[in-house]
Amino acid sequence: MSVIWTIMKRELGSYFSSPVAYVFLVIFLLLTGFFTFTAGNFFERGEASLAAFFGWHPWVYLVLVPAVGMRLWAEERRSGTLELLLTMPVAPWQAIVAKFLASWVFLAVALALTFPAVITVNVLGDPDNGMIVAGYLGSFLLAGGYLAISCMTSAMTRNQVVAFILSVVLCLFLILAGFNPVTDLLVRWASPAVVDTVAAFSVITHFDGFQRGVIDTRNLFFFLSVIGFALFATGVIIRGHRAG
């Protein structure tokens, strides 16, 4: 754990020592504010909830999370420090977990900075704060799922732009698998069982439960499985580089 903590602190330090991190935080807060209060018609809804806030998170994260994760391993490969890291007394899984957790903590900080939305809805009405907490948990897990996928694609290439595009495509698939227009299209030629199977792989399907305030173990298992599988795949790729 000390090795993981050391690498994690180094990665977090590199985030907050760069102006890019603060630009990301500002952009994230501006986008969530715009989609919540303007595009989401927050005041026109006339209800004390953050449905408009959480509803846009799968789409906001689609671009911003891969932008955070694309550098995790691609930069190490481009600069040649990956080979140096692999020769140190550090197990690949320790480096993978540490770099992932550091980026996840950074995303958690960005999510925590949206607290004015919670204050606003409590001032204007009497919301179900349990539902809001569940929504934040789901959003945190959603960001972790996207980040793990970005970590995997970053390990595949030394080009950050390629890693970004690959992760956006994969995350977009996980959205569209349960997106209503897509499922409505599938219903026309596929059986309900096939449609349900495809939708089961969608982050939308599992994130909706958290938005409704339901913390279902199946939804938790889904996001943790996505994170676990993507990090495992990252380990396989990194070990392939070591063997090469």
C-alpha atoms as a PDB file:
ATOM      1  CA  MET A   1       0.000   0.000   0.000  1.00  0.00           C
ATOM      2  CA  SER A   2       2.899   2.360   0.668  1.00  0.00           C
ATOM      3  CA  VAL A   3       4.037   1.965  -2.946  1.00  0.00           C
ATOM      4  CA  ILE A   4       0.547   2.693  -4.236  1.00  0.00           C
ATOM      5  CA  TRP A   5       0.245   5.713  -1.927  1.00  0.00           C
ATOM      6  CA  THR A   6       3.622   7.085  -3.068  1.00  0.00           C
ATOM      7  CA  ILE A   7       2.769   6.820  -6.767  1.00  0.00           C
ATOM      8  CA  MET A   8      -0.715   8.162  -6.114  1.00  0.00           C
ATOM      9  CA  LYS A   9       0.664  11.254  -4.348  1.00  0.00           C
ATOM     10  CA  ARG A  10       3.063  11.857  -7.223  1.00  0.00           C
ATOM     11  CA  GLU A  11       0.270  11.653  -9.773  1.00  0.00           C
ATOM     12  CA  LEU A  12      -2.048  13.914  -7.778  1.00  0.00           C
ATOM     13  CA  GLY A  13       0.774  16.403  -7.368  1.00  0.00           C
ATOM     14  CA  SER A  14       1.351  16.434 -11.112  1.00  0.00           C
ATOM     15  CA  TYR A  15      -2.348  17.203 -11.646  1.00  0.00           C
ATOM     16  CA  PHE A  16      -2.551  20.185  -9.320  1.00  0.00           C
ATOM     17  CA  SER A  17       0.848  21.576 -10.306  1.00  0.00           C
ATOM     18  CA  SER A  18      -0.431  22.014 -13.852  1.00  0.00           C
ATOM     19  CA  PRO A  19      -2.778  24.799 -14.995  1.00  0.00           C
ATOM     20  CA  VAL A  20      -4.511  22.227 -17.201  1.00  0.00           C
ATOM     21  CA  ALA A  21      -6.131  20.710 -14.110  1.00  0.00           C
ATOM     22  CA  TYR A  22      -7.674  24.022 -13.099  1.00  0.00           C
ATOM     23  CA  VAL A  23      -8.851  24.646 -16.661  1.00  0.00           C
ATOM     24  CA  PHE A  24     -10.520  21.221 -16.561  1.00  0.00           C
ATOM     25  CA  LEU A  25     -12.237  22.015 -13.253  1.00  0.00           C
ATOM     26  CA  VAL A  26     -13.553  25.332 -14.576  1.00  0.00           C
ATOM     27  CA  ILE A  27     -14.818  23.756 -17.804  1.00  0.00           C
ATOM     28  CA  PHE A  28     -16.485  20.919 -15.888  1.00  0.00           C
ATOM     29  CA  LEU A  29     -18.257  23.312 -13.519  1.00  0.00           C
ATOM     30  CA  LEU A  30     -19.350  25.585 -16.367  1.00  0.00           C
ATOM     31  CA  LEU A  31     -20.714  22.677 -18.395  1.00  0.00           C
ATOM     32  CA  THR A  32     -22.579  21.111 -15.482  1.00  0.00           C
ATOM     33  CA  GLY A  33     -24.007  24.520 -14.585  1.00  0.00           C
ATOM     34  CA  PHE A  34     -25.103  25.170 -18.172  1.00  0.00           C
ATOM     35  CA  PHE A  35     -26.698  21.761 -18.680  1.00  0.00           C
ATOM     36  CA  THR A  36     -28.422  21.894 -15.295  1.00  0.00           C
ATOM     37  CA  PHE A  37     -29.830  25.402 -15.221  1.00  0.00           C
ATOM     38  CA  THR A  38     -30.119  26.282 -18.924  1.00  0.00           C
ATOM     39  CA  ALA A  39     -30.361  23.185 -21.111  1.00  0.00           C
ATOM     40  CA  GLY A  40     -31.974  21.190 -18.301  1.00  0.00           C
ATOM     41  CA  ASN A  41     -34.653  23.855 -17.645  1.00  0.00           C
ATOM     42  CA  PHE A  42     -34.016  23.626 -13.917  1.00  0.00           C
ATOM     43  CA  PHE A  43     -36.260  26.534 -12.898  1.00  0.00           C
ATOM     44  CA  GLU A  44     -39.022  25.672 -15.404  1.00  0.00           C
ATOM     45  CA  ARG A  45     -39.340  22.155 -13.966  1.00  0.00           C
ATOM     46  CA  GLY A  46     -40.762  23.512 -10.732  1.00  0.00           C
ATOM     47  CA  GLU A  47     -39.451  20.580  -8.677  1.00  0.00           C
ATOM     48  CA  ALA A  48     -36.824  20.342  -5.948  1.00  0.00           C
ATOM     49  CA  SER A  49     -34.544  17.727  -7.479  1.00  0.00           C
ATOM     50  CA  LEU A  50     -31.240  17.420  -9.297  1.00  0.00           C
ATOM     51  CA  ALA A  51     -32.590  15.219 -12.097  1.00  0.00           C
ATOM     52  CA  ALA A  52     -31.508  17.841 -14.626  1.00  0.00           C
ATOM     53  CA  PHE A  53     -28.051  17.858 -13.032  1.00  0.00           C
ATOM     54  CA  PHE A  54     -27.372  14.104 -13.061  1.00  0.00           C
ATOM     55  CA  GLY A  55     -29.127  13.410 -16.352  1.00  0.00           C
ATOM     56  CA  TRP A  56     -26.364  15.076 -18.338  1.00  0.00           C
ATOM     57  CA  HIS A  57     -23.423  13.446 -16.555  1.00  0.00           C
ATOM     58  CA  PRO A  58     -22.994  10.470 -18.929  1.00  0.00           C
ATOM     59  CA  TRP A  59     -22.603  12.940 -21.799  1.00  0.00           C
ATOM     60  CA  VAL A  60     -20.428  15.482 -19.994  1.00  0.00           C
ATOM     61  CA  TYR A  61     -18.106  12.730 -18.784  1.00  0.00           C
ATOM     62  CA  LEU A  62     -17.946  11.304 -22.319  1.00  0.00           C
ATOM     63  CA  VAL A  63     -15.505  14.035 -23.332  1.00  0.00           C
ATOM     64  CA  LEU A  64     -14.015  15.267 -20.073  1.00  0.00           C
ATOM     65  CA  VAL A  65     -13.073  11.949 -18.426  1.00  0.00           C
ATOM     66  CA  PRO A  66     -11.129  10.609 -21.439  1.00  0.00           C
ATOM     67  CA  ALA A  67      -9.340  13.967 -21.506  1.00  0.00           C
ATOM     68  CA  VAL A  68      -8.141  13.215 -17.974  1.00  0.00           C
ATOM     69  CA  GLY A  69      -7.297   9.567 -18.586  1.00  0.00           C
ATOM     70  CA  MET A  70      -5.642   9.781 -22.006  1.00  0.00           C
ATOM     71  CA  ARG A  71      -2.274  10.829 -20.562  1.00  0.00           C
ATOM     72  CA  LEU A  72      -2.006   8.173 -17.842  1.00  0.00           C
ATOM     73  CA  TRP A  73       0.046   5.666 -19.838  1.00  0.00           C
ATOM     74  CA  ALA A  74       0.381   7.278 -23.269  1.00  0.00           C
ATOM     75  CA  GLU A  75       2.594   9.988 -21.780  1.00  0.00           C
ATOM     76  CA  GLU A  76       4.695   7.377 -19.976  1.00  0.00           C
ATOM     77  CA  ARG A  77       5.203   5.522 -23.258  1.00  0.00           C
ATOM     78  CA  ARG A  78       5.919   8.659 -25.280  1.00  0.00           C
ATOM     79  CA  SER A  79       8.523   9.979 -22.856  1.00  0.00           C
ATOM     80  CA  GLY A  80      10.115   6.550 -22.342  1.00  0.00           C
ATOM     81  CA  THR A  81       9.486   6.552 -18.582  1.00  0.00           C
ATOM     82  CA  LEU A  82       7.281   3.433 -18.842  1.00  0.00           C
ATOM     83  CA  GLU A  83      10.350   1.242 -19.354  1.00  0.00           C
ATOM     84  CA  LEU A  84      12.004   2.912 -16.370  1.00  0.00           C
ATOM     85  CA  LEU A  85       8.913   2.386 -14.234  1.00  0.00           C
ATOM     86  CA  LEU A  86       8.760  -1.299 -15.156  1.00  0.00           C
ATOM     87  CA  THR A  87      12.376  -1.840 -14.111  1.00  0.00           C
ATOM     88  CA  MET A  88      11.708  -0.455 -10.637  1.00  0.00           C
ATOM     89  CA  PRO A  89      10.616  -2.701  -7.745  1.00  0.00           C
ATOM     90  CA  VAL A  90       6.992  -1.840  -8.450  1.00  0.00           C
ATOM     91  CA  ALA A  91       4.461  -4.407  -9.581  1.00  0.00           C
ATOM     92  CA  PRO A  92       2.516  -3.309 -12.680  1.00  0.00           C
ATOM     93  CA  TRP A  93      -0.775  -3.697 -10.819  1.00  0.00           C
ATOM     94  CA  GLN A  94       0.446  -1.302  -8.114  1.00  0.00           C
ATOM     95  CA  ALA A  95       1.276   1.390 -10.670  1.00  0.00           C
ATOM     96  CA  ILE A  96      -2.025   0.831 -12.480  1.00  0.00           C
ATOM     97  CA  VAL A  97      -4.123   1.056  -9.312  1.00  0.00           C
ATOM     98  CA  ALA A  98      -2.195   4.084  -8.031  1.00  0.00           C
ATOM     99  CA  LYS A  99      -2.484   6.070 -11.260  1.00  0.00           C
ATOM    100  CA  PHE A 100      -6.160   5.163 -11.589  1.00  0.00           C
ATOM    101  CA  LEU A 101      -6.980   6.139  -7.993  1.00  0.00           C
ATOM    102  CA  ALA A 102      -5.131   9.447  -8.324  1.00  0.00           C
ATOM    103  CA  SER A 103      -7.179  10.371 -11.389  1.00  0.00           C
ATOM    104  CA  TRP A 104     -10.384   9.138  -9.739  1.00  0.00           C
ATOM    105  CA  VAL A 105      -9.693  11.330  -6.703  1.00  0.00           C
ATOM    106  CA  PHE A 106      -9.164  14.279  -9.031  1.00  0.00           C
ATOM    107  CA  LEU A 107     -12.545  13.600 -10.647  1.00  0.00           C
ATOM    108  CA  ALA A 108     -14.082  13.274  -7.177  1.00  0.00           C
ATOM    109  CA  VAL A 109     -12.763  16.752  -6.352  1.00  0.00           C
ATOM    110  CA  ALA A 110     -14.361  18.099  -9.527  1.00  0.00           C
ATOM    111  CA  LEU A 111     -17.660  16.436  -8.599  1.00  0.00           C
ATOM    112  CA  ALA A 112     -17.484  17.733  -5.015  1.00  0.00           C
ATOM    113  CA  LEU A 113     -17.088  21.288  -6.303  1.00  0.00           C
ATOM    114  CA  THR A 114     -20.635  21.091  -7.697  1.00  0.00           C
ATOM    115  CA  PHE A 115     -21.988  21.398  -4.120  1.00  0.00           C
ATOM    116  CA  PRO A 116     -23.596  24.809  -4.890  1.00  0.00           C
ATOM    117  CA  ALA A 117     -26.199  22.902  -6.918  1.00  0.00           C
ATOM    118  CA  VAL A 118     -27.139  20.927  -3.794  1.00  0.00           C
ATOM    119  CA  ILE A 119     -27.327  24.119  -1.738  1.00  0.00           C
ATOM    120  CA  THR A 120     -29.452  25.792  -4.411  1.00  0.00           C
ATOM    121  CA  VAL A 121     -32.026  23.012  -4.576  1.00  0.00           C
ATOM    122  CA  ASN A 122     -32.264  22.879  -0.763  1.00  0.00           C
ATOM    123  CA  VAL A 123     -32.771  26.637  -0.540  1.00  0.00           C
ATOM    124  CA  LEU A 124     -35.457  26.643  -3.215  1.00  0.00           C
ATOM    125  CA  GLY A 125     -37.355  23.593  -1.995  1.00  0.00           C
ATOM    126  CA  ASP A 126     -37.392  20.443   0.082  1.00  0.00           C
ATOM    127  CA  PRO A 127     -35.568  17.812  -1.973  1.00  0.00           C
ATOM    128  CA  ASP A 128     -34.940  14.147  -1.182  1.00  0.00           C
ATOM    129  CA  ASN A 129     -31.296  14.433  -0.135  1.00  0.00           C
ATOM    130  CA  GLY A 130     -30.990  10.644   0.032  1.00  0.00           C
ATOM    131  CA  MET A 131     -31.745  10.564  -3.683  1.00  0.00           C
ATOM    132  CA  ILE A 132     -29.141  13.260  -4.261  1.00  0.00           C
ATOM    133  CA  VAL A 133     -26.503  11.275  -2.345  1.00  0.00           C
ATOM    134  CA  ALA A 134     -27.332   8.182  -4.409  1.00  0.00           C
ATOM    135  CA  GLY A 135     -27.024  10.263  -7.565  1.00  0.00           C
ATOM    136  CA  TYR A 136     -23.587  11.494  -6.533  1.00  0.00           C
ATOM    137  CA  LEU A 137     -22.487   7.929  -5.781  1.00  0.00           C
ATOM    138  CA  GLY A 138     -23.693   6.798  -9.199  1.00  0.00           C
ATOM    139  CA  SER A 139     -21.966   9.730 -10.864  1.00  0.00           C
ATOM    140  CA  PHE A 140     -18.711   8.904  -9.062  1.00  0.00           C
ATOM    141  CA  LEU A 141     -18.911   5.266 -10.191  1.00  0.00           C
ATOM    142  CA  LEU A 142     -19.797   6.347 -13.724  1.00  0.00           C
ATOM    143  CA  ALA A 143     -16.722   8.568 -13.844  1.00  0.00           C
ATOM    144  CA  GLY A 144     -14.650   5.649 -12.537  1.00  0.00           C
ATOM    145  CA  GLY A 145     -15.940   3.364 -15.284  1.00  0.00           C
ATOM    146  CA  TYR A 146     -15.103   5.876 -18.008  1.00  0.00           C
ATOM    147  CA  LEU A 147     -11.715   6.519 -16.413  1.00  0.00           C
ATOM    148  CA  ALA A 148     -10.796   2.822 -16.259  1.00  0.00           C
ATOM    149  CA  ILE A 149     -11.629   2.486 -19.958  1.00  0.00           C
ATOM    150  CA  SER A 150      -9.522   5.578 -20.704  1.00  0.00           C
ATOM    151  CA  CYS A 151      -6.699   4.042 -18.679  1.00  0.00           C
ATOM    152  CA  MET A 152      -6.897   0.908 -20.835  1.00  0.00           C
ATOM    153  CA  THR A 153      -6.873   2.793 -24.147  1.00  0.00           C
ATOM    154  CA  SER A 154      -4.030   5.001 -22.905  1.00  0.00           C
ATOM    155  CA  ALA A 155      -1.924   1.880 -22.349  1.00  0.00           C
ATOM    156  CA  MET A 156      -2.526   0.792 -25.943  1.00  0.00           C
ATOM    157  CA  THR A 157      -0.801   3.731 -27.597  1.00  0.00           C
ATOM    158  CA  ARG A 158       1.795   6.408 -27.043  1.00  0.00           C
ATOM    159  CA  ASN A 159      -0.419   8.965 -28.815  1.00  0.00           C
ATOM    160  CA  GLN A 160      -2.742  10.768 -26.401  1.00  0.00           C
ATOM    161  CA  VAL A 161      -5.130  11.851 -29.174  1.00  0.00           C
ATOM    162  CA  VAL A 162      -5.570   8.251 -30.331  1.00  0.00           C
ATOM    163  CA  ALA A 163      -6.125   7.163 -26.718  1.00  0.00           C
ATOM    164  CA  PHE A 164      -8.737   9.917 -26.307  1.00  0.00           C
ATOM    165  CA  ILE A 165     -10.632   8.924 -29.461  1.00  0.00           C
ATOM    166  CA  LEU A 166     -10.615   5.227 -28.589  1.00  0.00           C
ATOM    167  CA  SER A 167     -11.926   5.849 -25.089  1.00  0.00           C
ATOM    168  CA  VAL A 168     -14.657   8.198 -26.348  1.00  0.00           C
ATOM    169  CA  VAL A 169     -15.809   5.566 -28.853  1.00  0.00           C
ATOM    170  CA  LEU A 170     -15.894   2.803 -26.227  1.00  0.00           C
ATOM    171  CA  CYS A 171     -17.676   4.983 -23.666  1.00  0.00           C
ATOM    172  CA  LEU A 172     -20.147   6.133 -26.328  1.00  0.00           C
ATOM    173  CA  PHE A 173     -20.981   2.494 -27.019  1.00  0.00           C
ATOM    174  CA  LEU A 174     -21.702   1.993 -23.316  1.00  0.00           C
ATOM    175  CA  ILE A 175     -24.109   4.933 -23.474  1.00  0.00           C
ATOM    176  CA  LEU A 176     -25.874   4.064 -26.732  1.00  0.00           C
ATOM    177  CA  ALA A 177     -26.439   0.428 -25.730  1.00  0.00           C
ATOM    178  CA  GLY A 178     -29.215   1.610 -23.428  1.00  0.00           C
ATOM    179  CA  PHE A 179     -30.121   4.925 -25.067  1.00  0.00           C
ATOM    180  CA  ASN A 180     -33.863   5.013 -25.757  1.00  0.00           C
ATOM    181  CA  PRO A 181     -33.643   5.801 -29.517  1.00  0.00           C
ATOM    182  CA  VAL A 182     -31.223   2.875 -29.943  1.00  0.00           C
ATOM    183  CA  THR A 183     -33.304   0.390 -27.929  1.00  0.00           C
ATOM    184  CA  ASP A 184     -36.441   1.508 -29.791  1.00  0.00           C
ATOM    185  CA  LEU A 185     -34.632   0.741 -33.047  1.00  0.00           C
ATOM    186  CA  LEU A 186     -33.491  -2.663 -31.804  1.00  0.00           C
ATOM    187  CA  VAL A 187     -37.024  -3.615 -30.774  1.00  0.00           C
ATOM    188  CA  ARG A 188     -38.075  -3.497 -34.441  1.00  0.00           C
ATOM    189  CA  TRP A 189     -35.886  -6.421 -35.508  1.00  0.00           C
ATOM    190  CA  ALA A 190     -34.596  -8.103 -32.328  1.00  0.00           C
ATOM    191  CA  SER A 191     -36.353 -10.072 -29.617  1.00  0.00           C
ATOM    192  CA  PRO A 192     -36.972  -8.454 -26.222  1.00  0.00           C
ATOM    193  CA  ALA A 193     -34.352 -10.782 -24.706  1.00  0.00           C
ATOM    194  CA  VAL A 194     -31.703  -9.483 -27.117  1.00  0.00           C
ATOM    195  CA  VAL A 195     -32.687  -5.874 -26.451  1.00  0.00           C
ATOM    196  CA  ASP A 196     -32.516  -6.449 -22.691  1.00  0.00           C
ATOM    197  CA  THR A 197     -29.104  -8.101 -23.034  1.00  0.00           C
ATOM    198  CA  VAL A 198     -27.717  -5.176 -25.030  1.00  0.00           C
ATOM    199  CA  ALA A 199     -29.238  -2.652 -22.626  1.00  0.00           C
ATOM    200  CA  ALA A 200     -27.657  -4.502 -19.693  1.00  0.00           C
ATOM    201  CA  PHE A 201     -24.247  -3.348 -20.930  1.00  0.00           C
ATOM    202  CA  SER A 202     -25.286   0.309 -20.892  1.00  0.00           C
ATOM    203  CA  VAL A 203     -24.173   2.782 -18.263  1.00  0.00           C
ATOM    204  CA  ILE A 204     -27.482   4.610 -18.786  1.00  0.00           C
ATOM    205  CA  THR A 205     -29.475   1.570 -17.635  1.00  0.00           C
ATOM    206  CA  HIS A 206     -27.458   1.220 -14.437  1.00  0.00           C
ATOM    207  CA  PHE A 207     -26.994   4.930 -13.750  1.00  0.00           C
ATOM    208  CA  ASP A 208     -30.763   5.524 -13.889  1.00  0.00           C
ATOM    209  CA  GLY A 209     -31.211   3.513 -10.705  1.00  0.00           C
ATOM    210  CA  PHE A 210     -28.881   5.807  -8.783  1.00  0.00           C
ATOM    211  CA  GLN A 211     -30.690   8.851 -10.187  1.00  0.00           C
ATOM    212  CA  ARG A 212     -33.928   7.493  -8.765  1.00  0.00           C
ATOM    213  CA  GLY A 213     -32.272   7.112  -5.367  1.00  0.00           C
ATOM    214  CA  VAL A 214     -32.007   3.323  -5.519  1.00  0.00           C
ATOM    215  CA  ILE A 215     -28.607   1.853  -4.624  1.00  0.00           C
ATOM    216  CA  ASP A 216     -28.981  -1.587  -6.190  1.00  0.00           C
ATOM    217  CA  THR A 217     -26.161  -4.111  -5.729  1.00  0.00           C
ATOM    218  CA  ARG A 218     -26.526  -5.117  -9.394  1.00  0.00           C
ATOM    219  CA  ASN A 219     -25.776  -1.574 -10.507  1.00  0.00           C
ATOM    220  CA  LEU A 220     -22.848  -1.352  -8.096  1.00  0.00           C
ATOM    221  CA  PHE A 221     -21.553  -4.670  -9.403  1.00  0.00           C
ATOM    222  CA  PHE A 222     -21.849  -3.465 -13.005  1.00  0.00           C
ATOM    223  CA  PHE A 223     -19.711  -0.361 -12.516  1.00  0.00           C
ATOM    224  CA  LEU A 224     -17.177  -2.167 -10.341  1.00  0.00           C
ATOM    225  CA  SER A 225     -16.984  -4.922 -12.966  1.00  0.00           C
ATOM    226  CA  VAL A 226     -16.334  -2.395 -15.735  1.00  0.00           C
ATOM    227  CA  ILE A 227     -13.591  -0.811 -13.632  1.00  0.00           C
ATOM    228  CA  GLY A 228     -12.083  -4.176 -12.692  1.00  0.00           C
ATOM    229  CA  PHE A 229     -12.136  -5.553 -16.235  1.00  0.00           C
ATOM    230  CA  ALA A 230     -10.644  -2.398 -17.775  1.00  0.00           C
ATOM    231  CA  LEU A 231      -7.857  -2.251 -15.184  1.00  0.00           C
ATOM    232  CA  PHE A 232      -7.174  -5.969 -15.669  1.00  0.00           C
ATOM    233  CA  ALA A 233      -6.927  -5.385 -19.430  1.00  0.00           C
ATOM    234  CA  THR A 234      -4.579  -2.480 -18.735  1.00  0.00           C
ATOM    235  CA  GLY A 235      -2.380  -4.837 -16.731  1.00  0.00           C
ATOM    236  CA  VAL A 236      -2.291  -7.340 -19.592  1.00  0.00           C
ATOM    237  CA  ILE A 237      -1.264  -4.581 -22.006  1.00  0.00           C
ATOM    238  CA  ILE A 238       1.407  -3.220 -19.660  1.00  0.00           C
ATOM    239  CA  ARG A 239       2.844  -6.685 -19.066  1.00  0.00           C
ATOM    240  CA  GLY A 240       2.936  -7.106 -22.840  1.00  0.00           C
ATOM    241  CA  HIS A 241       5.125  -4.009 -23.063  1.00  0.00           C
ATOM    242  CA  ARG A 242       7.385  -5.414 -20.362  1.00  0.00           C
ATOM    243  CA  ALA A 243       7.694  -8.721 -22.222  1.00  0.00           C
ATOM    244  CA  GLY A 244       8.411  -6.824 -25.452  1.00  0.00           C
END
